[in-house]
Amino acid sequence: MDIGLFMVPYRLPETDLQTGFDWDMQVIRWAEEYGLSEVWVGEHTVTRWEPVCSPELYLAAAITQTNRIRLGTGANVVANHNPMALAHRLMQFDQMSRGRLMVGLGAGAYPSDLSVHGTTNQGGMFREAVDIIRKIWTTDGPFRYDGEFWSFDIPEYDELLRGPYLKPYQQPHPPLAMAGLSPNSSTLKQAGISGCIPMSFNVGREYLAGHWYNYVEGCESAGNVADRNQWRVAHQLLVADTDEEALDMAVNGALGRTFREWSAPSYADAGLLGVMAPELDIKTADDVSVEYLAENKWLIGSPDTVVEKLQRDIDASGGFGTIIAFTYDYMDQPEKYRHNLELIGTEVLPRIKDLTFENQPLAELTPPGLAPAK
């Protein structure tokens, strides 16, 4: 297993963008220093709590500040872009980073982001854009593409212009990932069909097994191989020397505030409040107890406690390859947050690093909703 970061980034509204950017670059440097494997950055156009509209541009700044850690867009909302332009920006990034790029592909979670870009057919444009990007990355020679939403020509090689020339540094192309959130996520099934890395948002561990089932179903339908050890699970992870310190930092710090003011209302709008703790009767965002989630659902605590809690997620899901920890705006407690990353890298990661998980065919898995998670 590995541990990485998901830098949405959750930004407190009073933090200016420049200061927030500097903080995020420092967090990435710490992540590399303490041995974390990767960092993903989200893409949103009109969301003040998640203010990055170009993850590849954001991460390009981290290329020269790091040497090893992998850098992932999480995710490019491909339907909101000209796929020819996006494919070339990502190839440029892959070359500049010497192959450290991972590419998350998303259909878009917020209607406001789709509206501002004029995206009128979210699912159809997403599927076509992904197909176009792959063709650009892997097809040699001139070709014509005529689709439902985009058409273009790749020209002949020109002796004077000496192009087209750009290809990804990684062959045949950077790793592709798709993320799912809802209990019966169709996106994760599409990830399996498309041969992409699956990424789950662990809103509730009870639904992780269903996420994996959908992914394996998609893989087997397309003749692709499902590997649990490539599965990323995004999670709330915060570590301190003691459980009490970690819980206080989570509940009374930036994580708790962000969850109360932004995440819980967003889940309420999406009808996903009940997913977080099925054993509770959560009907409104005001019913959400950050204290309960931090103690019972999230990976919050001392290194010993976090490893113990992680075992519950492994039991519920069957195992996954990488935890992706959400980052938060802890600029008022920078030393505590740095120490959190240090403990993750030096205390938690060594204890889970050698864990690998067995892959099972679909026939040996339980369909979602038919059996409770462990």
Protein backbone atom coordinates (compact mmCIF):
# COMPACT_ATOMS: atom_id res chain seq x y z
CA MET A 1 0.00 0.00 0.00
CA ASP A 2 0.96 3.62 -0.51
CA ILE A 3 -0.31 6.95 0.77
CA GLY A 4 -0.79 10.08 -1.33
CA LEU A 5 -2.64 13.39 -1.09
CA PHE A 6 -5.80 14.77 -2.66
CA MET A 7 -5.40 18.52 -2.85
CA VAL A 8 -8.94 19.53 -3.83
CA PRO A 9 -7.81 22.00 -2.43
CA TYR A 10 -10.22 22.79 0.39
CA ARG A 11 -9.58 26.48 0.83
CA LEU A 12 -11.13 28.57 3.59
CA PRO A 13 -12.98 31.49 1.97
CA GLU A 14 -10.95 34.16 3.78
CA THR A 15 -7.63 32.76 2.49
CA ASP A 16 -6.41 34.64 -0.58
CA LEU A 17 -5.44 32.56 -3.59
CA GLN A 18 -1.75 33.46 -3.55
CA THR A 19 -1.27 32.54 0.10
CA GLY A 20 -3.24 29.34 -0.44
CA PHE A 21 -1.10 28.43 -3.42
CA ASP A 22 2.10 28.92 -1.40
CA TRP A 23 0.66 26.68 1.34
CA ASP A 24 -0.19 23.93 -1.15
CA MET A 25 3.31 23.98 -2.62
CA GLN A 26 4.74 23.63 0.91
CA VAL A 27 2.43 20.68 1.59
CA ILE A 28 3.61 19.00 -1.63
CA ARG A 29 7.25 19.50 -0.63
CA TRP A 30 6.52 17.95 2.78
CA ALA A 31 4.73 15.04 1.12
CA GLU A 32 7.79 14.26 -0.97
CA GLU A 33 10.12 14.70 2.01
CA TYR A 34 8.17 12.15 4.07
CA GLY A 35 7.87 9.53 1.34
CA LEU A 36 4.30 9.89 0.11
CA SER A 37 3.71 8.52 -3.37
CA GLU A 38 1.56 11.05 -5.20
CA VAL A 39 -0.55 14.19 -5.06
CA TRP A 40 -3.75 14.86 -7.00
CA VAL A 41 -5.21 18.33 -7.61
CA GLY A 42 -8.87 18.94 -8.43
CA GLU A 43 -10.47 21.12 -11.11
CA HIS A 44 -13.36 23.50 -10.44
CA THR A 45 -14.16 26.77 -12.14
CA VAL A 46 -16.65 28.59 -9.91
CA THR A 47 -16.22 26.96 -6.47
CA ARG A 48 -14.59 29.21 -3.86
CA TRP A 49 -13.93 26.34 -1.44
CA GLU A 50 -12.11 24.44 -4.22
CA PRO A 51 -10.46 27.20 -6.25
CA VAL A 52 -8.31 25.54 -8.92
CA CYS A 53 -9.51 25.80 -12.51
CA SER A 54 -6.37 24.27 -14.07
CA PRO A 55 -4.81 21.41 -12.10
CA GLU A 56 -2.11 20.81 -14.70
CA LEU A 57 -1.00 24.46 -14.44
CA TYR A 58 -1.10 24.27 -10.64
CA LEU A 59 0.98 21.11 -10.57
CA ALA A 60 3.44 22.42 -13.14
CA ALA A 61 4.68 24.74 -10.40
CA ALA A 62 5.49 21.67 -8.28
CA ILE A 63 7.68 20.03 -10.93
CA THR A 64 10.75 22.10 -10.08
CA GLN A 65 10.08 21.95 -6.33
CA THR A 66 10.07 18.14 -6.21
CA ASN A 67 12.01 15.26 -7.75
CA ARG A 68 10.11 12.04 -7.19
CA ILE A 69 6.47 12.39 -6.16
CA ARG A 70 3.90 11.69 -8.88
CA LEU A 71 1.57 14.53 -9.87
CA GLY A 72 -2.04 13.85 -10.87
CA THR A 73 -4.93 15.91 -12.20
CA GLY A 74 -7.89 14.89 -10.11
CA ALA A 75 -9.74 15.28 -12.29
CA ASN A 76 -9.73 17.16 -15.55
CA VAL A 77 -13.40 17.78 -16.38
CA VAL A 78 -12.74 16.82 -19.97
CA ALA A 79 -16.14 17.81 -21.38
CA ASN A 80 -15.39 21.44 -20.41
CA HIS A 81 -12.29 21.59 -22.64
CA ASN A 82 -11.34 21.33 -26.25
CA PRO A 83 -9.91 17.79 -26.05
CA MET A 84 -7.20 18.54 -28.63
CA ALA A 85 -5.91 21.42 -26.50
CA LEU A 86 -6.18 19.45 -23.25
CA ALA A 87 -4.37 16.45 -24.74
CA HIS A 88 -1.47 18.67 -25.77
CA ARG A 89 -1.27 20.50 -22.43
CA LEU A 90 -1.07 17.14 -20.67
CA MET A 91 1.58 15.85 -23.07
CA GLN A 92 3.57 19.01 -22.41
CA PHE A 93 3.27 18.40 -18.67
CA ASP A 94 4.29 14.75 -19.03
CA GLN A 95 7.40 15.76 -20.94
CA MET A 96 8.29 18.55 -18.50
CA SER A 97 7.90 16.25 -15.48
CA ARG A 98 9.77 13.37 -17.19
CA GLY A 99 6.84 11.02 -16.79
CA ARG A 100 5.51 11.88 -13.35
CA LEU A 101 2.03 12.75 -14.64
CA MET A 102 -1.16 10.83 -13.84
CA VAL A 103 -4.41 12.00 -15.43
CA GLY A 104 -7.75 11.87 -13.68
CA LEU A 105 -10.75 12.05 -16.00
CA GLY A 106 -14.08 13.37 -14.73
CA ALA A 107 -17.52 14.22 -16.07
CA GLY A 108 -18.00 17.09 -13.61
CA ALA A 109 -19.69 17.11 -10.22
CA TYR A 110 -21.06 20.66 -10.04
CA PRO A 111 -23.76 21.88 -12.47
CA SER A 112 -22.44 25.44 -12.14
CA ASP A 113 -19.06 24.38 -13.57
CA LEU A 114 -20.76 22.71 -16.53
CA SER A 115 -23.03 25.70 -17.08
CA VAL A 116 -20.26 28.28 -17.16
CA HIS A 117 -18.47 26.23 -19.84
CA GLY A 118 -21.64 25.71 -21.87
CA THR A 119 -21.44 21.92 -21.52
CA THR A 120 -24.79 20.63 -22.77
CA ASN A 121 -24.34 16.84 -22.87
CA GLN A 122 -22.20 15.92 -19.89
CA GLY A 123 -21.98 12.16 -20.37
CA GLY A 124 -21.73 12.13 -24.15
CA MET A 125 -19.11 14.88 -24.29
CA PHE A 126 -17.11 13.17 -21.54
CA ARG A 127 -16.96 9.83 -23.37
CA GLU A 128 -16.10 11.42 -26.71
CA ALA A 129 -13.43 13.70 -25.22
CA VAL A 130 -11.72 10.75 -23.51
CA ASP A 131 -11.73 8.84 -26.80
CA ILE A 132 -10.23 11.82 -28.64
CA ILE A 133 -7.45 12.34 -26.07
CA ARG A 134 -6.43 8.68 -26.30
CA LYS A 135 -6.41 8.79 -30.10
CA ILE A 136 -4.21 11.88 -30.11
CA TRP A 137 -1.76 10.25 -27.71
CA THR A 138 -1.52 6.88 -29.45
CA THR A 139 -2.20 7.39 -33.19
CA ASP A 140 0.68 8.01 -35.58
CA GLY A 141 0.31 9.67 -38.94
CA PRO A 142 -2.42 11.91 -40.30
CA PHE A 143 -6.06 11.19 -39.55
CA ARG A 144 -9.46 12.82 -39.61
CA TYR A 145 -11.83 12.69 -36.64
CA ASP A 146 -15.54 13.43 -37.02
CA GLY A 147 -17.50 13.05 -33.81
CA GLU A 148 -20.79 14.22 -32.37
CA PHE A 149 -19.25 17.18 -30.55
CA TRP A 150 -15.78 17.71 -32.05
CA SER A 151 -14.09 17.32 -35.43
CA PHE A 152 -10.46 17.89 -36.38
CA ASP A 153 -7.61 16.96 -38.72
CA ILE A 154 -4.18 15.69 -37.71
CA PRO A 155 -2.06 16.89 -40.65
CA GLU A 156 0.68 15.18 -42.62
CA TYR A 157 4.25 15.57 -41.45
CA ASP A 158 5.63 18.80 -42.84
CA GLU A 159 9.35 19.02 -43.70
CA LEU A 160 9.48 22.73 -42.87
CA LEU A 161 7.30 22.82 -39.74
CA ARG A 162 8.50 19.35 -38.69
CA GLY A 163 5.23 18.46 -37.01
CA PRO A 164 3.02 17.10 -35.56
CA TYR A 165 5.69 16.01 -33.13
CA LEU A 166 4.51 15.91 -29.51
CA LYS A 167 3.81 12.58 -27.81
CA PRO A 168 3.61 11.71 -24.10
CA TYR A 169 6.83 10.97 -22.23
CA GLN A 170 5.17 7.81 -20.86
CA GLN A 171 4.24 5.21 -23.43
CA PRO A 172 1.66 4.63 -24.63
CA HIS A 173 0.39 7.46 -22.43
CA PRO A 174 0.19 8.59 -18.77
CA PRO A 175 -1.91 6.43 -16.42
CA LEU A 176 -5.59 7.38 -16.56
CA ALA A 177 -7.94 7.34 -13.56
CA MET A 178 -11.67 7.83 -13.00
CA ALA A 179 -13.30 8.57 -9.63
CA GLY A 180 -16.64 7.45 -8.21
CA LEU A 181 -18.64 8.74 -5.25
CA SER A 182 -22.18 7.36 -5.13
CA PRO A 183 -22.82 3.88 -3.66
CA ASN A 184 -23.61 2.32 -7.05
CA SER A 185 -21.18 4.41 -9.07
CA SER A 186 -21.56 3.98 -12.83
CA THR A 187 -18.34 5.99 -13.29
CA LEU A 188 -16.34 3.19 -11.68
CA LYS A 189 -17.92 0.68 -14.04
CA GLN A 190 -16.92 2.98 -16.92
CA ALA A 191 -13.39 3.12 -15.45
CA GLY A 192 -13.21 -0.66 -15.75
CA ILE A 193 -14.52 -0.60 -19.31
CA SER A 194 -12.00 2.09 -20.23
CA GLY A 195 -9.05 0.38 -18.53
CA CYS A 196 -8.54 3.27 -16.12
CA ILE A 197 -7.31 3.27 -12.52
CA PRO A 198 -10.32 3.33 -10.14
CA MET A 199 -10.51 5.99 -7.43
CA SER A 200 -13.23 5.91 -4.76
CA PHE A 201 -14.29 8.73 -2.50
CA ASN A 202 -14.70 6.98 0.84
CA VAL A 203 -17.80 8.80 2.00
CA GLY A 204 -18.80 5.59 3.81
CA ARG A 205 -16.75 2.38 4.05
CA GLU A 206 -19.93 0.29 3.78
CA TYR A 207 -20.06 1.08 0.05
CA LEU A 208 -16.45 0.41 -0.92
CA ALA A 209 -17.09 -3.25 -1.76
CA GLY A 210 -19.82 -2.15 -4.15
CA HIS A 211 -17.45 0.29 -5.81
CA TRP A 212 -15.00 -2.55 -6.43
CA TYR A 213 -17.75 -4.82 -7.74
CA ASN A 214 -18.80 -2.21 -10.29
CA TYR A 215 -15.21 -1.71 -11.39
CA VAL A 216 -14.58 -5.45 -11.84
CA GLU A 217 -17.86 -5.75 -13.73
CA GLY A 218 -16.70 -3.06 -16.15
CA CYS A 219 -13.25 -4.63 -16.51
CA GLU A 220 -14.57 -8.11 -17.26
CA SER A 221 -17.09 -6.80 -19.80
CA ALA A 222 -14.24 -5.18 -21.75
CA GLY A 223 -11.57 -7.85 -21.26
CA ASN A 224 -9.48 -5.67 -18.92
CA VAL A 225 -7.68 -6.86 -15.78
CA ALA A 226 -8.82 -5.49 -12.42
CA ASP A 227 -6.01 -5.05 -9.89
CA ARG A 228 -6.92 -4.07 -6.34
CA ASN A 229 -3.41 -2.79 -5.78
CA GLN A 230 -4.03 0.00 -8.31
CA TRP A 231 -7.25 1.10 -6.56
CA ARG A 232 -7.07 4.53 -4.92
CA VAL A 233 -9.40 5.41 -2.03
CA ALA A 234 -9.69 9.08 -1.05
CA HIS A 235 -10.14 9.49 2.70
CA GLN A 236 -10.04 11.84 5.68
CA LEU A 237 -6.64 11.16 7.27
CA LEU A 238 -5.09 13.17 10.08
CA VAL A 239 -2.44 11.89 12.51
CA ALA A 240 -0.99 13.28 15.74
CA ASP A 241 1.02 11.86 18.63
CA THR A 242 -2.17 11.09 20.57
CA ASP A 243 -5.78 10.38 19.67
CA GLU A 244 -6.89 13.43 21.64
CA GLU A 245 -4.59 15.78 19.70
CA ALA A 246 -5.66 14.36 16.34
CA LEU A 247 -9.38 14.53 17.15
CA ASP A 248 -9.06 18.11 18.38
CA MET A 249 -7.18 19.12 15.25
CA ALA A 250 -9.80 17.48 13.03
CA VAL A 251 -12.98 18.54 14.84
CA ASN A 252 -11.94 22.07 15.82
CA GLY A 253 -9.60 22.85 12.93
CA ALA A 254 -9.87 23.39 9.20
CA LEU A 255 -11.14 19.86 8.46
CA GLY A 256 -14.09 20.22 10.81
CA ARG A 257 -14.97 23.71 9.67
CA THR A 258 -14.76 22.76 6.00
CA PHE A 259 -16.94 19.73 6.54
CA ARG A 260 -19.60 21.67 8.44
CA GLU A 261 -19.72 24.68 6.13
CA TRP A 262 -19.03 23.10 2.75
CA SER A 263 -18.84 19.30 2.47
CA ALA A 264 -21.94 18.35 4.47
CA PRO A 265 -24.20 20.88 2.68
CA SER A 266 -22.78 19.68 -0.65
CA TYR A 267 -23.52 16.05 0.22
CA ALA A 268 -27.01 17.12 1.27
CA ASP A 269 -27.59 18.75 -2.13
CA ALA A 270 -26.43 15.52 -3.80
CA GLY A 271 -28.63 13.30 -1.62
CA LEU A 272 -25.62 11.51 -0.13
CA LEU A 273 -25.89 12.34 3.58
CA GLY A 274 -27.09 8.85 4.46
CA VAL A 275 -24.02 7.29 2.86
CA MET A 276 -21.66 8.74 5.46
CA ALA A 277 -23.07 6.77 8.40
CA PRO A 278 -25.90 4.41 7.39
CA GLU A 279 -26.40 3.46 11.05
CA LEU A 280 -27.50 7.02 11.86
CA ASP A 281 -30.61 8.89 10.79
CA ILE A 282 -28.90 11.77 8.97
CA LYS A 283 -31.47 13.83 7.07
CA THR A 284 -30.00 17.33 6.93
CA ALA A 285 -26.52 18.82 7.00
CA ASP A 286 -27.24 20.03 10.55
CA ASP A 287 -27.62 16.39 11.64
CA VAL A 288 -24.01 15.61 10.69
CA SER A 289 -21.74 15.12 13.70
CA VAL A 290 -18.12 15.78 12.77
CA GLU A 291 -17.15 14.34 16.15
CA TYR A 292 -18.89 11.04 15.37
CA LEU A 293 -17.35 10.81 11.89
CA ALA A 294 -13.87 11.63 13.17
CA GLU A 295 -14.06 8.97 15.86
CA ASN A 296 -15.86 6.22 13.93
CA LYS A 297 -15.48 6.70 10.18
CA TRP A 298 -12.37 8.71 9.40
CA LEU A 299 -8.70 7.81 9.78
CA ILE A 300 -8.08 10.21 12.65
CA GLY A 301 -5.84 9.46 15.62
CA SER A 302 -2.40 8.37 16.69
CA PRO A 303 -0.42 6.14 14.30
CA ASP A 304 -1.60 3.03 16.18
CA THR A 305 -5.24 4.12 16.02
CA VAL A 306 -5.07 5.06 12.34
CA VAL A 307 -3.61 1.67 11.38
CA GLU A 308 -6.34 -0.04 13.44
CA LYS A 309 -9.08 2.05 11.78
CA LEU A 310 -7.59 1.39 8.36
CA GLN A 311 -8.06 -2.33 8.93
CA ARG A 312 -11.83 -1.74 9.08
CA ASP A 313 -11.75 -0.19 5.61
CA ILE A 314 -9.64 -3.07 4.32
CA ASP A 315 -12.09 -5.58 5.80
CA ALA A 316 -15.05 -3.74 4.27
CA SER A 317 -13.54 -3.34 0.82
CA GLY A 318 -11.31 -6.38 0.39
CA GLY A 319 -8.26 -4.15 0.13
CA PHE A 320 -6.95 -1.29 -2.01
CA GLY A 321 -3.56 -0.02 -3.09
CA THR A 322 -3.32 3.64 -2.10
CA ILE A 323 -4.95 5.91 0.46
CA ILE A 324 -5.38 9.44 -0.90
CA ALA A 325 -5.62 11.83 2.06
CA PHE A 326 -7.59 15.04 1.60
CA THR A 327 -5.58 18.16 2.48
CA TYR A 328 -6.91 21.18 4.35
CA ASP A 329 -6.17 24.84 5.01
CA TYR A 330 -4.17 24.45 8.25
CA MET A 331 -2.13 27.59 7.81
CA ASP A 332 -3.00 28.59 11.38
CA GLN A 333 -1.35 25.36 12.64
CA PRO A 334 1.48 24.74 10.16
CA GLU A 335 3.76 22.84 12.52
CA LYS A 336 0.97 20.48 13.61
CA TYR A 337 0.05 19.83 10.00
CA ARG A 338 3.68 19.22 9.03
CA HIS A 339 4.01 16.78 11.93
CA ASN A 340 0.86 15.04 10.72
CA LEU A 341 2.53 14.41 7.36
CA GLU A 342 5.73 13.33 9.09
CA LEU A 343 3.82 10.74 11.16
CA ILE A 344 1.95 9.53 8.08
CA GLY A 345 5.19 9.00 6.20
CA THR A 346 7.42 7.69 9.00
CA GLU A 347 4.99 5.85 11.32
CA VAL A 348 1.89 4.81 9.36
CA LEU A 349 3.27 4.16 5.88
CA PRO A 350 6.05 1.71 6.95
CA ARG A 351 3.44 -0.43 8.72
CA ILE A 352 1.23 -0.82 5.64
CA LYS A 353 3.80 -0.55 2.85
CA ASP A 354 4.14 -4.30 2.29
CA LEU A 355 0.39 -5.00 2.16
CA THR A 356 -0.85 -6.31 -1.19
CA PHE A 357 -4.27 -7.72 -1.97
CA GLU A 358 -5.58 -10.67 -3.92
CA ASN A 359 -7.69 -10.10 -7.00
CA GLN A 360 -10.95 -12.03 -7.41
CA PRO A 361 -13.17 -12.54 -10.44
CA LEU A 362 -16.64 -11.01 -10.46
CA ALA A 363 -18.28 -14.36 -9.67
CA GLU A 364 -16.54 -14.43 -6.28
CA LEU A 365 -17.63 -10.91 -5.27
CA THR A 366 -20.86 -9.92 -3.55
CA PRO A 367 -23.10 -7.63 -5.62
CA PRO A 368 -23.60 -4.20 -4.02
CA GLY A 369 -26.30 -3.94 -1.40
CA LEU A 370 -26.76 -7.66 -0.79
CA ALA A 371 -24.56 -8.07 2.27
CA PRO A 372 -23.42 -5.70 5.00
CA ALA A 373 -19.81 -4.61 5.13
CA LYS A 374 -17.65 -6.05 7.89
